[in-house]
PDB file of all heavy atoms in Angstrom:
ATOM      1  N   SER A   1     -16.857  -6.558 -11.971  1.00  0.00           N
ATOM      2  CA  SER A   1     -16.077  -5.431 -12.461  1.00  0.00           C
ATOM      3  C   SER A   1     -15.222  -5.036 -11.305  1.00  0.00           C
ATOM      4  O   SER A   1     -15.666  -4.777 -10.142  1.00  0.00           O
ATOM      5  CB  SER A   1     -17.087  -4.276 -12.781  1.00  0.00           C
ATOM      6  OG  SER A   1     -17.875  -4.635 -14.010  1.00  0.00           O
ATOM      7  N   GLY A   2     -13.983  -4.824 -11.552  1.00  0.00           N
ATOM      8  CA  GLY A   2     -12.975  -4.425 -10.629  1.00  0.00           C
ATOM      9  C   GLY A   2     -13.159  -2.918 -10.164  1.00  0.00           C
ATOM     10  O   GLY A   2     -13.544  -2.107 -10.965  1.00  0.00           O
ATOM     11  N   SER A   3     -12.872  -2.705  -8.858  1.00  0.00           N
ATOM     12  CA  SER A   3     -13.085  -1.398  -8.428  1.00  0.00           C
ATOM     13  C   SER A   3     -11.734  -0.594  -8.270  1.00  0.00           C
ATOM     14  O   SER A   3     -10.837  -1.206  -7.595  1.00  0.00           O
ATOM     15  CB  SER A   3     -13.770  -1.351  -7.033  1.00  0.00           C
ATOM     16  OG  SER A   3     -13.620  -0.254  -6.335  1.00  0.00           O
ATOM     17  N   ALA A   4     -11.659   0.591  -8.805  1.00  0.00           N
ATOM     18  CA  ALA A   4     -10.443   1.376  -8.705  1.00  0.00           C
ATOM     19  C   ALA A   4     -10.247   1.751  -7.166  1.00  0.00           C
ATOM     20  O   ALA A   4      -8.951   1.771  -6.777  1.00  0.00           O
ATOM     21  CB  ALA A   4     -10.700   2.551  -9.587  1.00  0.00           C
ATOM     22  N   ILE A   5     -11.262   1.976  -6.470  1.00  0.00           N
ATOM     23  CA  ILE A   5     -11.011   2.318  -5.056  1.00  0.00           C
ATOM     24  C   ILE A   5     -10.518   1.159  -4.118  1.00  0.00           C
ATOM     25  O   ILE A   5      -9.673   1.244  -3.417  1.00  0.00           O
ATOM     26  CB  ILE A   5     -12.330   2.918  -4.437  1.00  0.00           C
ATOM     27  CG1 ILE A   5     -12.585   4.359  -5.120  1.00  0.00           C
ATOM     28  CG2 ILE A   5     -12.291   2.985  -2.953  1.00  0.00           C
ATOM     29  CD1 ILE A   5     -13.796   5.053  -4.510  1.00  0.00           C
ATOM     30  N   HIS A   6     -11.140  -0.011  -4.549  1.00  0.00           N
ATOM     31  CA  HIS A   6     -10.724  -1.172  -3.768  1.00  0.00           C
ATOM     32  C   HIS A   6      -9.227  -1.538  -3.976  1.00  0.00           C
ATOM     33  O   HIS A   6      -8.556  -1.855  -3.051  1.00  0.00           O
ATOM     34  CB  HIS A   6     -11.551  -2.458  -4.216  1.00  0.00           C
ATOM     35  CG  HIS A   6     -12.916  -2.326  -3.611  1.00  0.00           C
ATOM     36  ND1 HIS A   6     -13.782  -3.377  -3.730  1.00  0.00           N
ATOM     37  CD2 HIS A   6     -13.704  -1.269  -3.157  1.00  0.00           C
ATOM     38  CE1 HIS A   6     -14.979  -3.082  -3.127  1.00  0.00           C
ATOM     39  NE2 HIS A   6     -14.927  -1.859  -2.831  1.00  0.00           N
ATOM     40  N   VAL A   7      -8.798  -1.496  -5.275  1.00  0.00           N
ATOM     41  CA  VAL A   7      -7.474  -1.643  -5.514  1.00  0.00           C
ATOM     42  C   VAL A   7      -6.405  -0.582  -4.912  1.00  0.00           C
ATOM     43  O   VAL A   7      -5.378  -0.826  -4.422  1.00  0.00           O
ATOM     44  CB  VAL A   7      -6.989  -1.998  -7.043  1.00  0.00           C
ATOM     45  CG1 VAL A   7      -7.213  -0.697  -7.715  1.00  0.00           C
ATOM     46  CG2 VAL A   7      -5.706  -2.534  -7.092  1.00  0.00           C
ATOM     47  N   LEU A   8      -7.004   0.598  -4.938  1.00  0.00           N
ATOM     48  CA  LEU A   8      -6.293   1.715  -4.257  1.00  0.00           C
ATOM     49  C   LEU A   8      -5.998   1.372  -2.708  1.00  0.00           C
ATOM     50  O   LEU A   8      -5.006   1.612  -2.263  1.00  0.00           O
ATOM     51  CB  LEU A   8      -6.991   3.008  -4.456  1.00  0.00           C
ATOM     52  CG  LEU A   8      -6.345   4.344  -3.802  1.00  0.00           C
ATOM     53  CD1 LEU A   8      -6.775   5.483  -4.589  1.00  0.00           C
ATOM     54  CD2 LEU A   8      -6.906   4.543  -2.267  1.00  0.00           C
ATOM     55  N   CYS A   9      -7.129   0.950  -2.127  1.00  0.00           N
ATOM     56  CA  CYS A   9      -6.959   0.627  -0.683  1.00  0.00           C
ATOM     57  C   CYS A   9      -5.981  -0.515  -0.458  1.00  0.00           C
ATOM     58  O   CYS A   9      -5.164  -0.427   0.498  1.00  0.00           O
ATOM     59  CB  CYS A   9      -8.339   0.244  -0.086  1.00  0.00           C
ATOM     60  SG  CYS A   9      -9.602   1.556  -0.130  1.00  0.00           S
ATOM     61  N   ARG A  10      -6.032  -1.404  -1.332  1.00  0.00           N
ATOM     62  CA  ARG A  10      -5.008  -2.582  -1.187  1.00  0.00           C
ATOM     63  C   ARG A  10      -3.605  -2.057  -1.341  1.00  0.00           C
ATOM     64  O   ARG A  10      -2.693  -2.494  -0.572  1.00  0.00           O
ATOM     65  CB  ARG A  10      -5.381  -3.604  -2.276  1.00  0.00           C
ATOM     66  CG  ARG A  10      -4.489  -5.039  -2.069  1.00  0.00           C
ATOM     67  CD  ARG A  10      -4.804  -5.912  -3.303  1.00  0.00           C
ATOM     68  NE  ARG A  10      -6.173  -6.531  -3.196  1.00  0.00           N
ATOM     69  CZ  ARG A  10      -6.467  -7.600  -2.565  1.00  0.00           C
ATOM     70  NH1 ARG A  10      -5.564  -8.301  -1.883  1.00  0.00           N
ATOM     71  NH2 ARG A  10      -7.779  -8.048  -2.535  1.00  0.00           N
ATOM     72  N   ALA A  11      -3.438  -1.217  -2.375  1.00  0.00           N
ATOM     73  CA  ALA A  11      -2.057  -0.657  -2.530  1.00  0.00           C
ATOM     74  C   ALA A  11      -1.566   0.144  -1.412  1.00  0.00           C
ATOM     75  O   ALA A  11      -0.438   0.049  -0.934  1.00  0.00           O
ATOM     76  CB  ALA A  11      -2.025   0.147  -3.884  1.00  0.00           C
ATOM     77  N   GLY A  12      -2.541   1.004  -0.838  1.00  0.00           N
ATOM     78  CA  GLY A  12      -2.195   1.733   0.337  1.00  0.00           C
ATOM     79  C   GLY A  12      -1.805   0.894   1.611  1.00  0.00           C
ATOM     80  O   GLY A  12      -0.948   1.174   2.311  1.00  0.00           O
ATOM     81  N   TYR A  13      -2.539  -0.276   1.654  1.00  0.00           N
ATOM     82  CA  TYR A  13      -2.241  -1.118   2.799  1.00  0.00           C
ATOM     83  C   TYR A  13      -0.876  -1.712   2.644  1.00  0.00           C
ATOM     84  O   TYR A  13      -0.044  -1.776   3.585  1.00  0.00           O
ATOM     85  CB  TYR A  13      -3.350  -2.182   2.908  1.00  0.00           C
ATOM     86  CG  TYR A  13      -2.912  -3.244   3.952  1.00  0.00           C
ATOM     87  CD1 TYR A  13      -3.126  -2.950   5.351  1.00  0.00           C
ATOM     88  CD2 TYR A  13      -2.368  -4.511   3.630  1.00  0.00           C
ATOM     89  CE1 TYR A  13      -2.892  -3.933   6.262  1.00  0.00           C
ATOM     90  CE2 TYR A  13      -2.075  -5.452   4.623  1.00  0.00           C
ATOM     91  CZ  TYR A  13      -2.352  -5.035   5.927  1.00  0.00           C
ATOM     92  OH  TYR A  13      -2.130  -6.054   6.912  1.00  0.00           O
ATOM     93  N   LYS A  14      -0.488  -2.155   1.484  1.00  0.00           N
ATOM     94  CA  LYS A  14       0.783  -2.814   1.222  1.00  0.00           C
ATOM     95  C   LYS A  14       1.928  -1.768   1.384  1.00  0.00           C
ATOM     96  O   LYS A  14       3.003  -2.123   2.023  1.00  0.00           O
ATOM     97  CB  LYS A  14       0.747  -3.389  -0.232  1.00  0.00           C
ATOM     98  CG  LYS A  14      -0.087  -4.557  -0.502  1.00  0.00           C
ATOM     99  CD  LYS A  14       0.098  -5.091  -1.816  1.00  0.00           C
ATOM    100  CE  LYS A  14       1.396  -5.721  -2.178  1.00  0.00           C
ATOM    101  NZ  LYS A  14       1.514  -7.003  -1.494  1.00  0.00           N
ATOM    102  N   ILE A  15       1.716  -0.515   0.961  1.00  0.00           N
ATOM    103  CA  ILE A  15       2.659   0.437   1.213  1.00  0.00           C
ATOM    104  C   ILE A  15       2.939   0.785   2.728  1.00  0.00           C
ATOM    105  O   ILE A  15       3.967   0.824   3.248  1.00  0.00           O
ATOM    106  CB  ILE A  15       2.288   1.784   0.493  1.00  0.00           C
ATOM    107  CG1 ILE A  15       2.470   1.592  -1.028  1.00  0.00           C
ATOM    108  CG2 ILE A  15       3.209   2.908   0.924  1.00  0.00           C
ATOM    109  CD1 ILE A  15       1.926   2.701  -1.891  1.00  0.00           C
ATOM    110  N   ASP A  16       1.771   0.677   3.411  1.00  0.00           N
ATOM    111  CA  ASP A  16       1.783   1.006   4.844  1.00  0.00           C
ATOM    112  C   ASP A  16       2.518  -0.053   5.653  1.00  0.00           C
ATOM    113  O   ASP A  16       3.162   0.212   6.779  1.00  0.00           O
ATOM    114  CB  ASP A  16       0.471   1.158   5.366  1.00  0.00           C
ATOM    115  CG  ASP A  16       0.326   1.732   6.777  1.00  0.00           C
ATOM    116  OD1 ASP A  16       0.751   2.900   6.976  1.00  0.00           O
ATOM    117  OD2 ASP A  16      -0.068   0.960   7.747  1.00  0.00           O
ATOM    118  N   GLN A  17       2.607  -1.217   5.020  1.00  0.00           N
ATOM    119  CA  GLN A  17       3.340  -2.432   5.775  1.00  0.00           C
ATOM    120  C   GLN A  17       4.803  -2.503   5.357  1.00  0.00           C
ATOM    121  O   GLN A  17       5.466  -3.309   5.930  1.00  0.00           O
ATOM    122  CB  GLN A  17       2.589  -3.766   5.369  1.00  0.00           C
ATOM    123  CG  GLN A  17       1.086  -3.711   5.901  1.00  0.00           C
ATOM    124  CD  GLN A  17       0.872  -3.508   7.260  1.00  0.00           C
ATOM    125  OE1 GLN A  17       1.460  -4.184   8.149  1.00  0.00           O
ATOM    126  NE2 GLN A  17       0.142  -2.312   7.542  1.00  0.00           N
ATOM    127  N   ILE A  18       5.335  -1.672   4.643  1.00  0.00           N
ATOM    128  CA  ILE A  18       6.698  -1.756   4.129  1.00  0.00           C
ATOM    129  C   ILE A  18       7.624  -1.528   5.169  1.00  0.00           C
ATOM    130  O   ILE A  18       7.280  -0.712   6.084  1.00  0.00           O
ATOM    131  CB  ILE A  18       6.952  -0.869   2.971  1.00  0.00           C
ATOM    132  CG1 ILE A  18       8.302  -1.112   2.326  1.00  0.00           C
ATOM    133  CG2 ILE A  18       6.866   0.633   3.459  1.00  0.00           C
ATOM    134  CD1 ILE A  18       8.517  -0.365   1.046  1.00  0.00           C
ATOM    135  N   GLU A  19       8.714  -2.213   5.330  1.00  0.00           N
ATOM    136  CA  GLU A  19       9.765  -2.024   6.331  1.00  0.00           C
ATOM    137  C   GLU A  19      10.616  -0.715   5.875  1.00  0.00           C
ATOM    138  O   GLU A  19      11.136  -0.788   4.769  1.00  0.00           O
ATOM    139  CB  GLU A  19      10.603  -3.272   6.558  1.00  0.00           C
ATOM    140  CG  GLU A  19      11.762  -3.126   7.495  1.00  0.00           C
ATOM    141  CD  GLU A  19      12.626  -4.299   7.587  1.00  0.00           C
ATOM    142  OE1 GLU A  19      12.185  -5.369   7.095  1.00  0.00           O
ATOM    143  OE2 GLU A  19      13.591  -4.177   8.256  1.00  0.00           O
ATOM    144  N   VAL A  20      10.583   0.254   6.741  1.00  0.00           N
ATOM    145  CA  VAL A  20      11.156   1.481   6.382  1.00  0.00           C
ATOM    146  C   VAL A  20      12.668   1.504   6.942  1.00  0.00           C
ATOM    147  O   VAL A  20      12.895   1.378   8.208  1.00  0.00           O
ATOM    148  CB  VAL A  20      10.452   2.736   7.012  1.00  0.00           C
ATOM    149  CG1 VAL A  20      11.076   4.140   6.708  1.00  0.00           C
ATOM    150  CG2 VAL A  20       8.962   2.728   6.518  1.00  0.00           C
ATOM    151  N   PRO A  21      13.650   1.760   6.106  1.00  0.00           N
ATOM    152  CA  PRO A  21      14.955   1.859   6.506  1.00  0.00           C
ATOM    153  C   PRO A  21      15.112   2.980   7.637  1.00  0.00           C
ATOM    154  O   PRO A  21      14.669   4.058   7.532  1.00  0.00           O
ATOM    155  CB  PRO A  21      15.775   2.315   5.283  1.00  0.00           C
ATOM    156  CG  PRO A  21      14.985   1.997   4.070  1.00  0.00           C
ATOM    157  CD  PRO A  21      13.509   2.165   4.694  1.00  0.00           C
ATOM    158  N   ALA A  22      15.957   2.660   8.514  1.00  0.00           N
ATOM    159  CA  ALA A  22      16.271   3.643   9.630  1.00  0.00           C
ATOM    160  C   ALA A  22      17.469   4.492   9.301  1.00  0.00           C
ATOM    161  O   ALA A  22      17.542   5.599   9.691  1.00  0.00           O
ATOM    162  CB  ALA A  22      16.599   3.020  11.016  1.00  0.00           C
ATOM    163  N   GLU A  23      18.445   3.963   8.384  1.00  0.00           N
ATOM    164  CA  GLU A  23      19.622   4.650   8.000  1.00  0.00           C
ATOM    165  C   GLU A  23      19.968   4.339   6.422  1.00  0.00           C
ATOM    166  O   GLU A  23      20.244   3.212   6.247  1.00  0.00           O
ATOM    167  CB  GLU A  23      20.762   4.215   8.947  1.00  0.00           C
ATOM    168  CG  GLU A  23      21.982   4.910   8.691  1.00  0.00           C
ATOM    169  CD  GLU A  23      21.932   6.437   8.908  1.00  0.00           C
ATOM    170  OE1 GLU A  23      21.225   6.861   9.858  1.00  0.00           O
ATOM    171  OE2 GLU A  23      22.461   7.241   8.114  1.00  0.00           O
ATOM    172  N   PRO A  24      19.907   5.237   5.633  1.00  0.00           N
ATOM    173  CA  PRO A  24      19.509   6.609   6.051  1.00  0.00           C
ATOM    174  C   PRO A  24      18.023   6.711   6.199  1.00  0.00           C
ATOM    175  O   PRO A  24      17.182   5.860   5.726  1.00  0.00           O
ATOM    176  CB  PRO A  24      19.891   7.389   4.739  1.00  0.00           C
ATOM    177  CG  PRO A  24      19.712   6.393   3.602  1.00  0.00           C
ATOM    178  CD  PRO A  24      20.241   5.058   4.262  1.00  0.00           C
TER     179      PRO A  24
END
């Protein structure tokens, strides 16, 4: 059975690794 929390953590990690634009 898939875990809602586990996929939440995976999504959070992927978001945290995104390259953030400096301008703007």
